[in-house]
Amino acid sequence: LGIWSYQQQYQNDGLLSVLGMVGRKFLKMWYLTEGGNLKAEAVLLVCSLLVVPLGLVELWSWLKSGTLAMQLLSITVAYWILIHVLVVPVARYMVPILSILILAACMRVDKMRRHKI
């Protein structure tokens, strides 16, 4: 269903429209709930804003690190993010990935603290 939506969007509105839809789905997958509870979504959004950017930066550094385990973990997380963007952006499916991103964000904060960045 997700890929079909992208095809329809591309045929009707062009590439920029598809890129906008991908961007919206990427952002929504970190806080969107199936129930539509605005309070729960707001809490998830705030938590995600604190964790996801730092976690993604740290995952990028893991990918470039040369350590096989870190590279595999980064690739696995990237795969699941891509699948969720393409199919269905609902936060409950991101729980396993979010725990890895929380760990990565903590490691990034520790690096920043030690290097005074």
N, C-alpha and C. Protein backbone atom coordinates (compact mmCIF):
# COMPACT_ATOMS: atom_id res chain seq x y z
N LEU A 1 0.83 -1.20 0.00
CA LEU A 1 0.00 0.00 0.00
C LEU A 1 0.87 1.26 0.00
N GLY A 2 2.00 1.24 0.76
CA GLY A 2 2.87 2.41 0.83
C GLY A 2 3.51 2.72 -0.51
N ILE A 3 4.04 1.68 -1.18
CA ILE A 3 4.69 1.88 -2.47
C ILE A 3 3.67 2.36 -3.50
N TRP A 4 2.46 1.81 -3.46
CA TRP A 4 1.41 2.23 -4.38
C TRP A 4 1.10 3.71 -4.20
N SER A 5 1.05 4.16 -2.93
CA SER A 5 0.79 5.57 -2.65
C SER A 5 1.88 6.46 -3.25
N TYR A 6 3.13 6.01 -3.14
CA TYR A 6 4.23 6.77 -3.72
C TYR A 6 4.10 6.85 -5.24
N GLN A 7 3.73 5.74 -5.86
CA GLN A 7 3.56 5.73 -7.32
C GLN A 7 2.46 6.69 -7.75
N GLN A 8 1.34 6.64 -7.05
CA GLN A 8 0.23 7.53 -7.37
C GLN A 8 0.62 9.00 -7.18
N GLN A 9 1.31 9.28 -6.09
CA GLN A 9 1.75 10.64 -5.82
C GLN A 9 2.70 11.12 -6.91
N TYR A 10 3.62 10.26 -7.32
CA TYR A 10 4.58 10.62 -8.36
C TYR A 10 3.88 10.89 -9.69
N GLN A 11 2.94 10.03 -10.06
CA GLN A 11 2.23 10.20 -11.32
C GLN A 11 1.36 11.45 -11.32
N ASN A 12 0.76 11.75 -10.19
CA ASN A 12 -0.15 12.90 -10.12
C ASN A 12 0.56 14.23 -9.91
N ASP A 13 1.60 14.24 -9.05
CA ASP A 13 2.18 15.52 -8.64
C ASP A 13 3.67 15.67 -8.85
N GLY A 14 4.37 14.61 -9.21
CA GLY A 14 5.79 14.72 -9.49
C GLY A 14 6.69 14.34 -8.33
N LEU A 15 7.99 14.41 -8.59
CA LEU A 15 9.00 13.95 -7.65
C LEU A 15 9.05 14.77 -6.37
N LEU A 16 8.94 16.09 -6.45
CA LEU A 16 9.00 16.92 -5.24
C LEU A 16 7.88 16.59 -4.27
N SER A 17 6.73 16.26 -4.80
CA SER A 17 5.61 15.87 -3.95
C SER A 17 5.90 14.56 -3.22
N VAL A 18 6.51 13.62 -3.92
CA VAL A 18 6.88 12.34 -3.29
C VAL A 18 7.93 12.57 -2.21
N LEU A 19 8.91 13.41 -2.47
CA LEU A 19 9.94 13.70 -1.46
C LEU A 19 9.33 14.37 -0.23
N GLY A 20 8.35 15.23 -0.45
CA GLY A 20 7.65 15.85 0.68
C GLY A 20 6.88 14.83 1.50
N MET A 21 6.24 13.89 0.82
CA MET A 21 5.50 12.84 1.52
C MET A 21 6.45 11.95 2.32
N VAL A 22 7.59 11.61 1.74
CA VAL A 22 8.59 10.79 2.45
C VAL A 22 9.08 11.54 3.69
N GLY A 23 9.34 12.82 3.56
CA GLY A 23 9.78 13.63 4.69
C GLY A 23 8.74 13.68 5.81
N ARG A 24 7.48 13.88 5.43
CA ARG A 24 6.41 13.91 6.44
C ARG A 24 6.29 12.56 7.15
N LYS A 25 6.37 11.47 6.38
CA LYS A 25 6.27 10.14 6.99
C LYS A 25 7.45 9.87 7.91
N PHE A 26 8.64 10.33 7.51
CA PHE A 26 9.82 10.15 8.36
C PHE A 26 9.62 10.86 9.70
N LEU A 27 9.09 12.06 9.67
CA LEU A 27 8.87 12.80 10.92
C LEU A 27 7.75 12.18 11.75
N LYS A 28 6.67 11.77 11.10
CA LYS A 28 5.53 11.24 11.82
C LYS A 28 5.79 9.90 12.47
N MET A 29 6.71 9.10 11.90
CA MET A 29 6.90 7.76 12.45
C MET A 29 7.48 7.78 13.85
N TRP A 30 7.99 8.90 14.32
CA TRP A 30 8.57 8.96 15.65
C TRP A 30 7.54 9.33 16.72
N TYR A 31 6.35 9.80 16.32
CA TYR A 31 5.38 10.21 17.35
C TYR A 31 3.94 9.84 17.05
N LEU A 32 3.61 9.44 15.85
CA LEU A 32 2.22 9.18 15.45
C LEU A 32 1.69 7.92 16.13
N THR A 33 0.50 8.01 16.69
CA THR A 33 -0.15 6.84 17.29
C THR A 33 -1.38 6.50 16.48
N GLU A 34 -1.78 5.24 16.57
CA GLU A 34 -2.97 4.81 15.82
C GLU A 34 -4.25 5.39 16.40
N GLY A 35 -4.26 5.63 17.71
CA GLY A 35 -5.46 6.15 18.36
C GLY A 35 -5.69 7.62 18.12
N GLY A 36 -4.65 8.34 17.72
CA GLY A 36 -4.79 9.77 17.47
C GLY A 36 -4.87 10.60 18.74
N ASN A 37 -4.41 10.08 19.86
CA ASN A 37 -4.42 10.79 21.12
C ASN A 37 -3.37 11.90 21.06
N LEU A 38 -3.82 13.13 21.00
CA LEU A 38 -2.91 14.27 20.84
C LEU A 38 -1.94 14.42 22.00
N LYS A 39 -2.40 14.12 23.22
CA LYS A 39 -1.52 14.24 24.38
C LYS A 39 -0.39 13.22 24.30
N ALA A 40 -0.72 11.98 23.95
CA ALA A 40 0.30 10.94 23.82
C ALA A 40 1.26 11.27 22.68
N GLU A 41 0.73 11.78 21.59
CA GLU A 41 1.58 12.15 20.46
C GLU A 41 2.51 13.29 20.82
N ALA A 42 2.03 14.23 21.61
CA ALA A 42 2.88 15.36 22.02
C ALA A 42 4.02 14.88 22.92
N VAL A 43 3.74 13.97 23.83
CA VAL A 43 4.79 13.42 24.71
C VAL A 43 5.82 12.67 23.87
N LEU A 44 5.35 11.82 22.94
CA LEU A 44 6.26 11.09 22.07
C LEU A 44 7.09 12.03 21.21
N LEU A 45 6.48 13.10 20.73
CA LEU A 45 7.19 14.07 19.90
C LEU A 45 8.32 14.74 20.68
N VAL A 46 8.05 15.16 21.89
CA VAL A 46 9.08 15.82 22.70
C VAL A 46 10.22 14.85 23.00
N CYS A 47 9.88 13.63 23.38
CA CYS A 47 10.93 12.62 23.66
C CYS A 47 11.74 12.34 22.41
N SER A 48 11.07 12.22 21.28
CA SER A 48 11.77 11.93 20.04
C SER A 48 12.67 13.08 19.61
N LEU A 49 12.23 14.31 19.83
CA LEU A 49 13.06 15.46 19.48
C LEU A 49 14.34 15.50 20.30
N LEU A 50 14.29 14.96 21.50
CA LEU A 50 15.48 14.93 22.35
C LEU A 50 16.43 13.79 21.96
N VAL A 51 15.88 12.68 21.48
CA VAL A 51 16.67 11.47 21.28
C VAL A 51 17.07 11.23 19.82
N VAL A 52 16.13 11.33 18.91
CA VAL A 52 16.35 10.88 17.53
C VAL A 52 17.49 11.61 16.82
N PRO A 53 17.56 12.93 16.85
CA PRO A 53 18.67 13.58 16.13
C PRO A 53 20.05 13.16 16.64
N LEU A 54 20.22 13.13 17.96
CA LEU A 54 21.50 12.71 18.52
C LEU A 54 21.80 11.25 18.21
N GLY A 55 20.78 10.41 18.29
CA GLY A 55 20.96 9.00 17.99
C GLY A 55 21.34 8.76 16.54
N LEU A 56 20.72 9.48 15.62
CA LEU A 56 21.04 9.32 14.21
C LEU A 56 22.47 9.80 13.90
N VAL A 57 22.89 10.87 14.55
CA VAL A 57 24.27 11.34 14.36
C VAL A 57 25.26 10.29 14.85
N GLU A 58 24.97 9.71 16.01
CA GLU A 58 25.86 8.68 16.55
C GLU A 58 25.85 7.43 15.68
N LEU A 59 24.69 7.04 15.16
CA LEU A 59 24.63 5.89 14.25
C LEU A 59 25.47 6.15 13.01
N TRP A 60 25.47 7.36 12.52
CA TRP A 60 26.29 7.71 11.36
C TRP A 60 27.78 7.53 11.70
N SER A 61 28.16 7.95 12.90
CA SER A 61 29.56 7.77 13.28
C SER A 61 29.90 6.29 13.46
N TRP A 62 28.94 5.49 13.93
CA TRP A 62 29.16 4.05 14.03
C TRP A 62 29.36 3.44 12.64
N LEU A 63 28.60 3.92 11.68
CA LEU A 63 28.70 3.40 10.32
C LEU A 63 30.09 3.66 9.75
N LYS A 64 30.66 4.82 10.07
CA LYS A 64 31.98 5.18 9.57
C LYS A 64 33.12 4.66 10.45
N SER A 65 32.80 4.02 11.57
CA SER A 65 33.81 3.66 12.56
C SER A 65 34.75 2.54 12.13
N GLY A 66 34.31 1.66 11.28
CA GLY A 66 35.14 0.53 10.89
C GLY A 66 34.93 -0.68 11.77
N THR A 67 34.16 -0.54 12.87
CA THR A 67 33.84 -1.66 13.73
C THR A 67 32.64 -2.40 13.15
N LEU A 68 32.82 -3.68 12.84
CA LEU A 68 31.78 -4.44 12.15
C LEU A 68 30.47 -4.47 12.92
N ALA A 69 30.52 -4.68 14.23
CA ALA A 69 29.29 -4.74 15.02
C ALA A 69 28.52 -3.42 14.96
N MET A 70 29.24 -2.32 15.07
CA MET A 70 28.58 -1.00 15.03
C MET A 70 28.01 -0.73 13.64
N GLN A 71 28.73 -1.13 12.60
CA GLN A 71 28.25 -0.95 11.24
C GLN A 71 26.99 -1.77 11.00
N LEU A 72 26.97 -3.02 11.46
CA LEU A 72 25.79 -3.86 11.30
C LEU A 72 24.59 -3.30 12.04
N LEU A 73 24.81 -2.79 13.23
CA LEU A 73 23.73 -2.18 13.99
C LEU A 73 23.19 -0.94 13.26
N SER A 74 24.07 -0.12 12.73
CA SER A 74 23.64 1.07 11.99
C SER A 74 22.85 0.70 10.75
N ILE A 75 23.32 -0.30 10.02
CA ILE A 75 22.63 -0.73 8.81
C ILE A 75 21.26 -1.32 9.15
N THR A 76 21.18 -2.07 10.23
CA THR A 76 19.90 -2.64 10.65
C THR A 76 18.89 -1.56 11.00
N VAL A 77 19.33 -0.57 11.76
CA VAL A 77 18.43 0.53 12.12
C VAL A 77 18.01 1.30 10.87
N ALA A 78 18.95 1.56 9.97
CA ALA A 78 18.61 2.27 8.72
C ALA A 78 17.60 1.48 7.90
N TYR A 79 17.76 0.16 7.86
CA TYR A 79 16.82 -0.70 7.13
C TYR A 79 15.41 -0.56 7.71
N TRP A 80 15.27 -0.64 9.03
CA TRP A 80 13.95 -0.55 9.64
C TRP A 80 13.34 0.84 9.47
N ILE A 81 14.16 1.86 9.53
CA ILE A 81 13.65 3.22 9.28
C ILE A 81 13.13 3.31 7.86
N LEU A 82 13.88 2.81 6.89
CA LEU A 82 13.46 2.84 5.49
C LEU A 82 12.16 2.08 5.28
N ILE A 83 12.06 0.90 5.86
CA ILE A 83 10.83 0.10 5.73
C ILE A 83 9.64 0.86 6.30
N HIS A 84 9.81 1.50 7.45
CA HIS A 84 8.71 2.22 8.06
C HIS A 84 8.32 3.45 7.26
N VAL A 85 9.28 4.11 6.67
CA VAL A 85 8.96 5.27 5.84
C VAL A 85 8.18 4.83 4.60
N LEU A 86 8.57 3.70 4.03
CA LEU A 86 7.91 3.23 2.82
C LEU A 86 6.54 2.62 3.08
N VAL A 87 6.33 2.02 4.25
CA VAL A 87 5.09 1.29 4.48
C VAL A 87 4.13 2.05 5.39
N VAL A 88 4.42 2.07 6.69
CA VAL A 88 3.47 2.69 7.62
C VAL A 88 4.25 3.40 8.75
N PRO A 89 4.06 4.71 8.88
CA PRO A 89 4.80 5.45 9.91
C PRO A 89 4.03 5.54 11.23
N VAL A 90 4.08 4.48 12.03
CA VAL A 90 3.41 4.50 13.33
C VAL A 90 4.46 4.24 14.41
N ALA A 91 4.43 5.02 15.46
CA ALA A 91 5.47 5.00 16.48
C ALA A 91 5.62 3.65 17.17
N ARG A 92 4.54 2.90 17.32
CA ARG A 92 4.65 1.65 18.08
C ARG A 92 5.57 0.65 17.39
N TYR A 93 5.70 0.75 16.09
CA TYR A 93 6.61 -0.14 15.37
C TYR A 93 8.06 0.31 15.49
N MET A 94 8.29 1.49 16.00
CA MET A 94 9.63 2.03 16.12
C MET A 94 10.25 1.75 17.50
N VAL A 95 9.52 1.08 18.39
CA VAL A 95 10.00 0.86 19.75
C VAL A 95 11.36 0.16 19.78
N PRO A 96 11.59 -0.94 19.03
CA PRO A 96 12.92 -1.55 19.09
C PRO A 96 14.03 -0.62 18.57
N ILE A 97 13.72 0.14 17.56
CA ILE A 97 14.70 1.05 16.98
C ILE A 97 14.96 2.22 17.93
N LEU A 98 13.91 2.68 18.56
CA LEU A 98 14.05 3.82 19.47
C LEU A 98 14.96 3.47 20.64
N SER A 99 14.90 2.24 21.13
CA SER A 99 15.79 1.87 22.23
C SER A 99 17.25 1.92 21.80
N ILE A 100 17.54 1.52 20.57
CA ILE A 100 18.92 1.61 20.05
C ILE A 100 19.31 3.08 19.89
N LEU A 101 18.38 3.90 19.42
CA LEU A 101 18.67 5.32 19.26
C LEU A 101 18.89 6.01 20.61
N ILE A 102 18.18 5.55 21.64
CA ILE A 102 18.39 6.12 22.97
C ILE A 102 19.81 5.81 23.44
N LEU A 103 20.24 4.56 23.24
CA LEU A 103 21.61 4.19 23.57
C LEU A 103 22.61 5.03 22.78
N ALA A 104 22.37 5.17 21.48
CA ALA A 104 23.27 5.96 20.64
C ALA A 104 23.30 7.42 21.07
N ALA A 105 22.12 7.97 21.40
CA ALA A 105 22.06 9.37 21.84
C ALA A 105 22.84 9.56 23.15
N CYS A 106 22.73 8.60 24.05
CA CYS A 106 23.49 8.68 25.31
C CYS A 106 24.99 8.67 25.03
N MET A 107 25.40 7.82 24.11
CA MET A 107 26.82 7.77 23.77
C MET A 107 27.28 9.08 23.13
N ARG A 108 26.41 9.69 22.29
CA ARG A 108 26.74 10.97 21.66
C ARG A 108 26.87 12.07 22.70
N VAL A 109 25.94 12.10 23.66
CA VAL A 109 26.00 13.11 24.72
C VAL A 109 27.27 12.93 25.55
N ASP A 110 27.64 11.67 25.84
CA ASP A 110 28.87 11.43 26.59
C ASP A 110 30.09 11.92 25.80
N LYS A 111 30.12 11.67 24.49
CA LYS A 111 31.23 12.17 23.66
C LYS A 111 31.26 13.70 23.68
N MET A 112 30.10 14.32 23.58
CA MET A 112 30.04 15.77 23.58
C MET A 112 30.52 16.33 24.92
N ARG A 113 30.15 15.65 26.01
CA ARG A 113 30.54 16.10 27.35
C ARG A 113 32.05 15.98 27.53
N ARG A 114 32.63 14.87 27.05
CA ARG A 114 34.07 14.67 27.20
C ARG A 114 34.88 15.61 26.32
N HIS A 115 34.36 15.94 25.14
CA HIS A 115 35.10 16.79 24.20
C HIS A 115 34.63 18.24 24.26
N LYS A 116 33.70 18.54 25.14
CA LYS A 116 33.18 19.89 25.31
C LYS A 116 32.66 20.49 24.00
N ILE A 117 31.91 19.66 23.23
CA ILE A 117 31.37 20.12 21.93
C ILE A 117 30.04 20.78 22.16
